[in-house]
Amino acid sequence: MYAAGRCKDFLSKTMVEIKQEDADAHVKAFQVDLSSFQSMLEFKSSLQQWLLDSEMHPSIQLLINNAGILATSHRFNVEGYDQMMGTNYIGAFVLTNLLLPLLKDSYIPSRVVNVTSFTHRCVSNMQVDEETFLGKHSLLSKPYPCAQVYESTKLCLVLFSYELHRRLRLVEGSTLVSVMAADPGAVSTNIMRELPLPLSNLAMTALKFLGLLQSSEDGVKSILDAALAPPELSGAYFFGGRGRTIASSVLSYDSKLAEKLWNSSCKFFLN
């Protein structure tokens, strides 16, 4: 197993916890920042070199894209794109495409799981252009519309999941790689850490009162379902645990929007 993350200390802590659960676990940690193209390129190179040096089969079987932030102010990544868009969507798109050859080379069927959010349902219309990626549309709003941008990044992840599934299945005619979207629901994490404390406490209290707030242990169930489901369920949206799949938003099934997002993303991020 390979664990990749931005924070070195958190990665070290995670490795210790995994070893405590299973002393025989084979796990390797890599530091990578999904908001930086250079960091992702270095990660791919390091991963390939490690696979070569360890004489392991040069492939991976499962990629779970789970990076996400809720930024409360307008800021940019190294490449000049909106930080939240860069971390939540662009990073997943670029990393998946960088690692796709390793997924296709797997000796067993492999898959990609994109962790999204039910908040994508709040988006009724979305522009797909460089201004969106650069955050120029949000610059017109004061203060920074963090909720709207976050929701849009999660819609992009769903659209990306469905489009990658279509391209692998229909365009390439390949069943080697499956693609799933996983929605953990409202989970008790520190994602609201940038919000004012009274506001984040209010949000958590409201979610708990409505019975919507889950523990991390419960939230991860949909991700595990997506990771372990039969390949025939490629293109599905997992939510609620127990292998449950549901429909995502109406807009997320707009194939023309998904194709436009794919083509724009390739143009701006893969060239």
C-alpha atoms as a PDB file:
ATOM      1  CA  MET A   1       0.000   0.000   0.000  1.00  0.00           C
ATOM      2  CA  TYR A   2       1.170   3.521  -0.797  1.00  0.00           C
ATOM      3  CA  ALA A   3       0.022   6.478   1.269  1.00  0.00           C
ATOM      4  CA  ALA A   4       0.479   9.928  -0.227  1.00  0.00           C
ATOM      5  CA  GLY A   5      -0.150  13.218   1.516  1.00  0.00           C
ATOM      6  CA  ARG A   6       1.036  16.785   1.920  1.00  0.00           C
ATOM      7  CA  CYS A   7       1.941  16.735   5.627  1.00  0.00           C
ATOM      8  CA  LYS A   8       5.033  14.708   6.523  1.00  0.00           C
ATOM      9  CA  ASP A   9       4.137  14.495  10.225  1.00  0.00           C
ATOM     10  CA  PHE A  10       0.619  13.259   9.465  1.00  0.00           C
ATOM     11  CA  LEU A  11       2.001  10.645   7.070  1.00  0.00           C
ATOM     12  CA  SER A  12       4.417   9.411   9.733  1.00  0.00           C
ATOM     13  CA  LYS A  13       1.593   9.168  12.262  1.00  0.00           C
ATOM     14  CA  THR A  14      -0.534   7.256   9.768  1.00  0.00           C
ATOM     15  CA  MET A  15       2.279   4.782   9.098  1.00  0.00           C
ATOM     16  CA  VAL A  16       2.644   4.122  12.826  1.00  0.00           C
ATOM     17  CA  GLU A  17      -1.099   3.540  13.223  1.00  0.00           C
ATOM     18  CA  ILE A  18      -1.181   1.114  10.286  1.00  0.00           C
ATOM     19  CA  LYS A  19       1.753  -0.845  11.689  1.00  0.00           C
ATOM     20  CA  GLN A  20       0.050  -0.996  15.086  1.00  0.00           C
ATOM     21  CA  GLU A  21      -2.999  -2.563  13.445  1.00  0.00           C
ATOM     22  CA  ASP A  22      -0.972  -4.921  11.252  1.00  0.00           C
ATOM     23  CA  ALA A  23       2.732  -5.350  11.928  1.00  0.00           C
ATOM     24  CA  ASP A  24       3.147  -7.226   8.644  1.00  0.00           C
ATOM     25  CA  ALA A  25       1.573  -4.507   6.512  1.00  0.00           C
ATOM     26  CA  HIS A  26       3.666  -3.434   3.528  1.00  0.00           C
ATOM     27  CA  VAL A  27       3.212   0.321   3.303  1.00  0.00           C
ATOM     28  CA  LYS A  28       5.242   3.165   1.824  1.00  0.00           C
ATOM     29  CA  ALA A  29       4.629   6.875   2.398  1.00  0.00           C
ATOM     30  CA  PHE A  30       5.168   9.581  -0.219  1.00  0.00           C
ATOM     31  CA  GLN A  31       4.925  13.313   0.338  1.00  0.00           C
ATOM     32  CA  VAL A  32       2.941  15.095  -2.378  1.00  0.00           C
ATOM     33  CA  ASP A  33       0.976  18.332  -2.677  1.00  0.00           C
ATOM     34  CA  LEU A  34      -1.956  17.962  -5.071  1.00  0.00           C
ATOM     35  CA  SER A  35      -2.105  21.726  -5.545  1.00  0.00           C
ATOM     36  CA  SER A  36       1.355  21.661  -7.184  1.00  0.00           C
ATOM     37  CA  PHE A  37       1.980  20.162 -10.628  1.00  0.00           C
ATOM     38  CA  GLN A  38       5.705  19.847  -9.896  1.00  0.00           C
ATOM     39  CA  SER A  39       5.031  17.978  -6.665  1.00  0.00           C
ATOM     40  CA  MET A  40       2.791  15.486  -8.478  1.00  0.00           C
ATOM     41  CA  LEU A  41       5.398  14.916 -11.192  1.00  0.00           C
ATOM     42  CA  GLU A  42       8.048  14.283  -8.532  1.00  0.00           C
ATOM     43  CA  PHE A  43       5.688  11.895  -6.753  1.00  0.00           C
ATOM     44  CA  LYS A  44       5.096   9.887  -9.918  1.00  0.00           C
ATOM     45  CA  SER A  45       8.837   9.677 -10.528  1.00  0.00           C
ATOM     46  CA  SER A  46       9.517   8.622  -6.923  1.00  0.00           C
ATOM     47  CA  LEU A  47       6.775   5.997  -7.031  1.00  0.00           C
ATOM     48  CA  GLN A  48       8.040   4.521 -10.298  1.00  0.00           C
ATOM     49  CA  GLN A  49      11.616   4.449  -9.002  1.00  0.00           C
ATOM     50  CA  TRP A  50      10.546   2.796  -5.759  1.00  0.00           C
ATOM     51  CA  LEU A  51       8.597   0.132  -7.650  1.00  0.00           C
ATOM     52  CA  LEU A  52      11.660  -0.495  -9.807  1.00  0.00           C
ATOM     53  CA  ASP A  53      14.098  -0.647  -6.876  1.00  0.00           C
ATOM     54  CA  SER A  54      11.835  -2.935  -4.855  1.00  0.00           C
ATOM     55  CA  GLU A  55      11.452  -5.291  -7.814  1.00  0.00           C
ATOM     56  CA  MET A  56       7.683  -5.104  -7.488  1.00  0.00           C
ATOM     57  CA  HIS A  57       5.329  -5.245 -10.445  1.00  0.00           C
ATOM     58  CA  PRO A  58       5.469  -1.707 -11.931  1.00  0.00           C
ATOM     59  CA  SER A  59       1.791  -0.965 -11.482  1.00  0.00           C
ATOM     60  CA  ILE A  60      -0.846   0.089  -8.980  1.00  0.00           C
ATOM     61  CA  GLN A  61      -4.252  -1.475  -8.417  1.00  0.00           C
ATOM     62  CA  LEU A  62      -6.192   1.253  -6.609  1.00  0.00           C
ATOM     63  CA  LEU A  63      -6.044   5.050  -6.530  1.00  0.00           C
ATOM     64  CA  ILE A  64      -8.237   6.897  -4.017  1.00  0.00           C
ATOM     65  CA  ASN A  65      -8.324  10.671  -4.539  1.00  0.00           C
ATOM     66  CA  ASN A  66      -9.315  12.085  -1.162  1.00  0.00           C
ATOM     67  CA  ALA A  67      -7.524  15.442  -0.957  1.00  0.00           C
ATOM     68  CA  GLY A  68      -9.828  18.323  -0.112  1.00  0.00           C
ATOM     69  CA  ILE A  69      -9.886  21.736   1.543  1.00  0.00           C
ATOM     70  CA  LEU A  70     -12.510  24.351   2.375  1.00  0.00           C
ATOM     71  CA  ALA A  71     -10.685  27.646   1.896  1.00  0.00           C
ATOM     72  CA  THR A  72     -12.346  30.779   3.247  1.00  0.00           C
ATOM     73  CA  SER A  73     -10.259  33.313   1.335  1.00  0.00           C
ATOM     74  CA  HIS A  74      -9.288  33.725  -2.294  1.00  0.00           C
ATOM     75  CA  ARG A  75      -5.765  32.418  -2.823  1.00  0.00           C
ATOM     76  CA  PHE A  76      -3.827  30.705  -5.563  1.00  0.00           C
ATOM     77  CA  ASN A  77      -1.610  27.670  -6.008  1.00  0.00           C
ATOM     78  CA  VAL A  78       1.883  27.787  -7.514  1.00  0.00           C
ATOM     79  CA  GLU A  79       0.506  27.606 -11.062  1.00  0.00           C
ATOM     80  CA  GLY A  80      -1.866  30.520 -10.455  1.00  0.00           C
ATOM     81  CA  TYR A  81      -5.123  28.569 -10.180  1.00  0.00           C
ATOM     82  CA  ASP A  82      -7.676  28.925  -7.409  1.00  0.00           C
ATOM     83  CA  GLN A  83      -6.270  27.026  -4.410  1.00  0.00           C
ATOM     84  CA  MET A  84      -9.483  25.166  -3.603  1.00  0.00           C
ATOM     85  CA  MET A  85     -10.141  24.234  -7.229  1.00  0.00           C
ATOM     86  CA  GLY A  86      -6.503  23.194  -7.564  1.00  0.00           C
ATOM     87  CA  THR A  87      -6.501  20.946  -4.504  1.00  0.00           C
ATOM     88  CA  ASN A  88      -9.994  19.473  -4.728  1.00  0.00           C
ATOM     89  CA  TYR A  89     -10.346  18.857  -8.465  1.00  0.00           C
ATOM     90  CA  ILE A  90      -7.342  19.789 -10.616  1.00  0.00           C
ATOM     91  CA  GLY A  91      -4.979  17.755  -8.449  1.00  0.00           C
ATOM     92  CA  ALA A  92      -7.161  14.649  -8.713  1.00  0.00           C
ATOM     93  CA  PHE A  93      -7.486  15.072 -12.484  1.00  0.00           C
ATOM     94  CA  VAL A  94      -3.761  15.527 -13.076  1.00  0.00           C
ATOM     95  CA  LEU A  95      -2.636  12.810 -10.660  1.00  0.00           C
ATOM     96  CA  THR A  96      -5.079  10.280 -12.097  1.00  0.00           C
ATOM     97  CA  ASN A  97      -3.883  10.933 -15.629  1.00  0.00           C
ATOM     98  CA  LEU A  98      -0.247  10.742 -14.550  1.00  0.00           C
ATOM     99  CA  LEU A  99      -0.826   7.375 -12.869  1.00  0.00           C
ATOM    100  CA  LEU A 100      -3.251   5.949 -15.430  1.00  0.00           C
ATOM    101  CA  PRO A 101      -0.493   4.013 -17.255  1.00  0.00           C
ATOM    102  CA  LEU A 102       0.424   2.300 -13.960  1.00  0.00           C
ATOM    103  CA  LEU A 103      -3.241   1.464 -13.361  1.00  0.00           C
ATOM    104  CA  LYS A 104      -3.613   0.041 -16.867  1.00  0.00           C
ATOM    105  CA  ASP A 105      -0.483  -2.090 -16.413  1.00  0.00           C
ATOM    106  CA  SER A 106      -1.901  -3.815 -13.340  1.00  0.00           C
ATOM    107  CA  TYR A 107      -2.015  -7.611 -13.552  1.00  0.00           C
ATOM    108  CA  ILE A 108      -5.487  -7.504 -11.962  1.00  0.00           C
ATOM    109  CA  PRO A 109      -8.388  -5.116 -12.723  1.00  0.00           C
ATOM    110  CA  SER A 110      -7.628  -1.732 -11.150  1.00  0.00           C
ATOM    111  CA  ARG A 111      -9.716   1.282 -10.266  1.00  0.00           C
ATOM    112  CA  VAL A 112      -9.933   4.963  -9.412  1.00  0.00           C
ATOM    113  CA  VAL A 113     -12.132   6.208  -6.565  1.00  0.00           C
ATOM    114  CA  ASN A 114     -12.854   9.935  -6.431  1.00  0.00           C
ATOM    115  CA  VAL A 115     -14.139  11.102  -3.051  1.00  0.00           C
ATOM    116  CA  THR A 116     -16.781  13.740  -3.649  1.00  0.00           C
ATOM    117  CA  SER A 117     -19.603  15.287  -1.601  1.00  0.00           C
ATOM    118  CA  PHE A 118     -23.381  15.571  -1.532  1.00  0.00           C
ATOM    119  CA  THR A 119     -22.839  19.338  -1.686  1.00  0.00           C
ATOM    120  CA  HIS A 120     -22.322  19.013  -5.452  1.00  0.00           C
ATOM    121  CA  ARG A 121     -26.130  18.887  -5.638  1.00  0.00           C
ATOM    122  CA  CYS A 122     -26.251  22.588  -4.734  1.00  0.00           C
ATOM    123  CA  VAL A 123     -24.772  23.542  -8.126  1.00  0.00           C
ATOM    124  CA  SER A 124     -27.466  24.220 -10.719  1.00  0.00           C
ATOM    125  CA  ASN A 125     -25.214  25.825 -13.334  1.00  0.00           C
ATOM    126  CA  MET A 126     -21.472  25.898 -13.864  1.00  0.00           C
ATOM    127  CA  GLN A 127     -19.144  27.586 -16.322  1.00  0.00           C
ATOM    128  CA  VAL A 128     -16.238  25.485 -17.540  1.00  0.00           C
ATOM    129  CA  ASP A 129     -13.443  27.788 -18.645  1.00  0.00           C
ATOM    130  CA  GLU A 130     -10.028  28.988 -17.561  1.00  0.00           C
ATOM    131  CA  GLU A 131     -11.621  31.823 -15.582  1.00  0.00           C
ATOM    132  CA  THR A 132     -13.312  29.219 -13.385  1.00  0.00           C
ATOM    133  CA  PHE A 133     -10.027  27.407 -12.761  1.00  0.00           C
ATOM    134  CA  LEU A 134      -8.249  30.696 -12.105  1.00  0.00           C
ATOM    135  CA  GLY A 135     -10.987  31.778  -9.728  1.00  0.00           C
ATOM    136  CA  LYS A 136     -11.750  34.945 -11.687  1.00  0.00           C
ATOM    137  CA  HIS A 137     -15.513  34.437 -11.457  1.00  0.00           C
ATOM    138  CA  SER A 138     -15.310  34.246  -7.667  1.00  0.00           C
ATOM    139  CA  LEU A 139     -13.215  37.435  -7.587  1.00  0.00           C
ATOM    140  CA  LEU A 140     -16.369  39.296  -8.542  1.00  0.00           C
ATOM    141  CA  SER A 141     -17.959  38.251  -5.246  1.00  0.00           C
ATOM    142  CA  LYS A 142     -17.130  39.775  -1.890  1.00  0.00           C
ATOM    143  CA  PRO A 143     -16.474  37.987   0.369  1.00  0.00           C
ATOM    144  CA  TYR A 144     -14.986  34.914  -1.279  1.00  0.00           C
ATOM    145  CA  PRO A 145     -17.889  32.507  -1.997  1.00  0.00           C
ATOM    146  CA  CYS A 146     -16.169  29.532  -0.386  1.00  0.00           C
ATOM    147  CA  ALA A 147     -19.277  27.327  -0.249  1.00  0.00           C
ATOM    148  CA  GLN A 148     -20.063  27.838  -3.943  1.00  0.00           C
ATOM    149  CA  VAL A 149     -16.490  27.143  -5.031  1.00  0.00           C
ATOM    150  CA  TYR A 150     -16.307  24.040  -2.815  1.00  0.00           C
ATOM    151  CA  GLU A 151     -19.573  22.708  -4.246  1.00  0.00           C
ATOM    152  CA  SER A 152     -18.311  23.320  -7.782  1.00  0.00           C
ATOM    153  CA  THR A 153     -15.078  21.413  -7.111  1.00  0.00           C
ATOM    154  CA  LYS A 154     -17.097  18.439  -5.924  1.00  0.00           C
ATOM    155  CA  LEU A 155     -19.326  18.566  -9.002  1.00  0.00           C
ATOM    156  CA  CYS A 156     -16.177  18.615 -11.139  1.00  0.00           C
ATOM    157  CA  LEU A 157     -15.041  15.421  -9.419  1.00  0.00           C
ATOM    158  CA  VAL A 158     -18.326  13.660 -10.218  1.00  0.00           C
ATOM    159  CA  LEU A 159     -18.265  14.856 -13.833  1.00  0.00           C
ATOM    160  CA  PHE A 160     -14.641  13.754 -14.134  1.00  0.00           C
ATOM    161  CA  SER A 161     -15.463  10.320 -12.701  1.00  0.00           C
ATOM    162  CA  TYR A 162     -18.264   9.730 -15.180  1.00  0.00           C
ATOM    163  CA  GLU A 163     -16.285  11.051 -18.152  1.00  0.00           C
ATOM    164  CA  LEU A 164     -13.227   8.930 -17.357  1.00  0.00           C
ATOM    165  CA  HIS A 165     -15.515   5.902 -17.035  1.00  0.00           C
ATOM    166  CA  ARG A 166     -17.100   6.667 -20.422  1.00  0.00           C
ATOM    167  CA  ARG A 167     -13.751   7.145 -22.124  1.00  0.00           C
ATOM    168  CA  LEU A 168     -12.287   3.938 -20.754  1.00  0.00           C
ATOM    169  CA  ARG A 169     -15.367   1.840 -21.493  1.00  0.00           C
ATOM    170  CA  LEU A 170     -16.791   3.371 -24.658  1.00  0.00           C
ATOM    171  CA  VAL A 171     -13.840   5.041 -26.376  1.00  0.00           C
ATOM    172  CA  GLU A 172     -11.043   2.621 -25.517  1.00  0.00           C
ATOM    173  CA  GLY A 173     -13.297  -0.398 -25.037  1.00  0.00           C
ATOM    174  CA  SER A 174     -11.280  -1.295 -21.950  1.00  0.00           C
ATOM    175  CA  THR A 175     -12.476  -2.876 -18.718  1.00  0.00           C
ATOM    176  CA  LEU A 176      -9.027  -2.847 -17.116  1.00  0.00           C
ATOM    177  CA  VAL A 177      -9.712   0.259 -15.014  1.00  0.00           C
ATOM    178  CA  SER A 178     -12.963   0.981 -13.167  1.00  0.00           C
ATOM    179  CA  VAL A 179     -13.932   4.455 -11.971  1.00  0.00           C
ATOM    180  CA  MET A 180     -16.175   5.115  -8.972  1.00  0.00           C
ATOM    181  CA  ALA A 181     -17.407   8.216  -7.152  1.00  0.00           C
ATOM    182  CA  ALA A 182     -17.744   7.924  -3.376  1.00  0.00           C
ATOM    183  CA  ASP A 183     -19.693  10.279  -1.110  1.00  0.00           C
ATOM    184  CA  PRO A 184     -18.893   9.835   2.615  1.00  0.00           C
ATOM    185  CA  GLY A 185     -21.641  12.257   3.652  1.00  0.00           C
ATOM    186  CA  ALA A 186     -21.202  14.767   6.471  1.00  0.00           C
ATOM    187  CA  VAL A 187     -18.222  13.531   8.468  1.00  0.00           C
ATOM    188  CA  SER A 188     -16.758  14.888  11.678  1.00  0.00           C
ATOM    189  CA  THR A 189     -13.375  16.106  10.403  1.00  0.00           C
ATOM    190  CA  ASN A 190     -11.377  19.334  10.563  1.00  0.00           C
ATOM    191  CA  ILE A 191     -12.349  20.487   7.051  1.00  0.00           C
ATOM    192  CA  MET A 192     -14.104  23.537   8.530  1.00  0.00           C
ATOM    193  CA  ARG A 193     -10.994  24.631  10.426  1.00  0.00           C
ATOM    194  CA  GLU A 194     -10.709  27.905   8.484  1.00  0.00           C
ATOM    195  CA  LEU A 195     -14.237  28.987   9.349  1.00  0.00           C
ATOM    196  CA  PRO A 196     -14.789  31.180  12.416  1.00  0.00           C
ATOM    197  CA  LEU A 197     -15.143  28.862  15.418  1.00  0.00           C
ATOM    198  CA  PRO A 198     -18.738  29.889  16.259  1.00  0.00           C
ATOM    199  CA  LEU A 199     -19.799  29.226  12.656  1.00  0.00           C
ATOM    200  CA  SER A 200     -18.094  25.834  12.394  1.00  0.00           C
ATOM    201  CA  ASN A 201     -19.521  24.805  15.783  1.00  0.00           C
ATOM    202  CA  LEU A 202     -22.989  25.872  14.651  1.00  0.00           C
ATOM    203  CA  ALA A 203     -22.679  23.867  11.436  1.00  0.00           C
ATOM    204  CA  MET A 204     -21.528  20.750  13.264  1.00  0.00           C
ATOM    205  CA  THR A 205     -24.279  21.113  15.870  1.00  0.00           C
ATOM    206  CA  ALA A 206     -26.944  21.501  13.178  1.00  0.00           C
ATOM    207  CA  LEU A 207     -25.695  18.449  11.277  1.00  0.00           C
ATOM    208  CA  LYS A 208     -25.618  16.423  14.481  1.00  0.00           C
ATOM    209  CA  PHE A 209     -29.133  17.560  15.465  1.00  0.00           C
ATOM    210  CA  LEU A 210     -30.445  16.516  12.045  1.00  0.00           C
ATOM    211  CA  GLY A 211     -28.785  13.133  12.409  1.00  0.00           C
ATOM    212  CA  LEU A 212     -26.528  13.765   9.412  1.00  0.00           C
ATOM    213  CA  LEU A 213     -23.133  13.966  11.121  1.00  0.00           C
ATOM    214  CA  GLN A 214     -21.138  10.743  10.939  1.00  0.00           C
ATOM    215  CA  SER A 215     -17.932   9.528  12.504  1.00  0.00           C
ATOM    216  CA  SER A 216     -14.903   8.963  10.299  1.00  0.00           C
ATOM    217  CA  GLU A 217     -15.424   5.214  10.742  1.00  0.00           C
ATOM    218  CA  ASP A 218     -18.937   5.453   9.279  1.00  0.00           C
ATOM    219  CA  GLY A 219     -18.013   7.960   6.588  1.00  0.00           C
ATOM    220  CA  VAL A 220     -15.275   5.769   5.156  1.00  0.00           C
ATOM    221  CA  LYS A 221     -17.731   2.933   4.455  1.00  0.00           C
ATOM    222  CA  SER A 222     -18.867   4.360   1.120  1.00  0.00           C
ATOM    223  CA  ILE A 223     -15.226   4.773   0.079  1.00  0.00           C
ATOM    224  CA  LEU A 224     -14.488   1.154   0.960  1.00  0.00           C
ATOM    225  CA  ASP A 225     -17.614   0.078  -0.922  1.00  0.00           C
ATOM    226  CA  ALA A 226     -16.397   1.928  -4.017  1.00  0.00           C
ATOM    227  CA  ALA A 227     -12.929   0.426  -3.654  1.00  0.00           C
ATOM    228  CA  LEU A 228     -14.183  -3.156  -3.302  1.00  0.00           C
ATOM    229  CA  ALA A 229     -17.282  -3.234  -5.522  1.00  0.00           C
ATOM    230  CA  PRO A 230     -17.417  -5.446  -8.631  1.00  0.00           C
ATOM    231  CA  PRO A 231     -15.903  -3.844 -11.765  1.00  0.00           C
ATOM    232  CA  GLU A 232     -19.348  -3.997 -13.364  1.00  0.00           C
ATOM    233  CA  LEU A 233     -20.356  -1.082 -11.119  1.00  0.00           C
ATOM    234  CA  SER A 234     -17.847   1.256 -12.742  1.00  0.00           C
ATOM    235  CA  GLY A 235     -19.439   4.673 -13.183  1.00  0.00           C
ATOM    236  CA  ALA A 236     -21.555   4.350 -10.024  1.00  0.00           C
ATOM    237  CA  TYR A 237     -22.001   6.834  -7.166  1.00  0.00           C
ATOM    238  CA  PHE A 238     -21.615   5.230  -3.731  1.00  0.00           C
ATOM    239  CA  PHE A 239     -23.294   6.689  -0.662  1.00  0.00           C
ATOM    240  CA  GLY A 240     -24.488   5.445   2.717  1.00  0.00           C
ATOM    241  CA  GLY A 241     -22.457   2.277   3.178  1.00  0.00           C
ATOM    242  CA  ARG A 242     -23.638  -1.328   2.766  1.00  0.00           C
ATOM    243  CA  GLY A 243     -22.675  -1.181  -0.918  1.00  0.00           C
ATOM    244  CA  ARG A 244     -25.426   1.329  -1.628  1.00  0.00           C
ATOM    245  CA  THR A 245     -25.352   3.312  -4.874  1.00  0.00           C
ATOM    246  CA  ILE A 246     -27.596   6.279  -5.621  1.00  0.00           C
ATOM    247  CA  ALA A 247     -28.090   8.820  -8.385  1.00  0.00           C
ATOM    248  CA  SER A 248     -26.014  11.982  -8.220  1.00  0.00           C
ATOM    249  CA  SER A 249     -27.346  15.390  -9.279  1.00  0.00           C
ATOM    250  CA  VAL A 250     -29.080  15.898 -12.612  1.00  0.00           C
ATOM    251  CA  LEU A 251     -26.327  18.272 -13.749  1.00  0.00           C
ATOM    252  CA  SER A 252     -23.650  15.669 -13.027  1.00  0.00           C
ATOM    253  CA  TYR A 253     -25.088  13.476 -15.807  1.00  0.00           C
ATOM    254  CA  ASP A 254     -24.700  16.217 -18.435  1.00  0.00           C
ATOM    255  CA  SER A 255     -22.326  14.402 -20.797  1.00  0.00           C
ATOM    256  CA  LYS A 256     -21.638  17.541 -22.847  1.00  0.00           C
ATOM    257  CA  LEU A 257     -20.614  19.438 -19.712  1.00  0.00           C
ATOM    258  CA  ALA A 258     -18.427  16.521 -18.627  1.00  0.00           C
ATOM    259  CA  GLU A 259     -16.762  16.363 -22.040  1.00  0.00           C
ATOM    260  CA  LYS A 260     -16.150  20.114 -21.979  1.00  0.00           C
ATOM    261  CA  LEU A 261     -14.633  19.842 -18.506  1.00  0.00           C
ATOM    262  CA  TRP A 262     -12.399  16.991 -19.659  1.00  0.00           C
ATOM    263  CA  ASN A 263     -11.205  18.780 -22.788  1.00  0.00           C
ATOM    264  CA  SER A 264     -10.599  22.046 -20.924  1.00  0.00           C
ATOM    265  CA  SER A 265      -8.724  20.235 -18.157  1.00  0.00           C
ATOM    266  CA  CYS A 266      -6.520  18.430 -20.685  1.00  0.00           C
ATOM    267  CA  LYS A 267      -5.797  21.718 -22.469  1.00  0.00           C
ATOM    268  CA  PHE A 268      -4.838  23.667 -19.355  1.00  0.00           C
ATOM    269  CA  PHE A 269      -3.272  21.006 -17.121  1.00  0.00           C
ATOM    270  CA  LEU A 270      -1.822  18.184 -19.214  1.00  0.00           C
ATOM    271  CA  ASN A 271      -0.046  20.084 -21.998  1.00  0.00           C
END
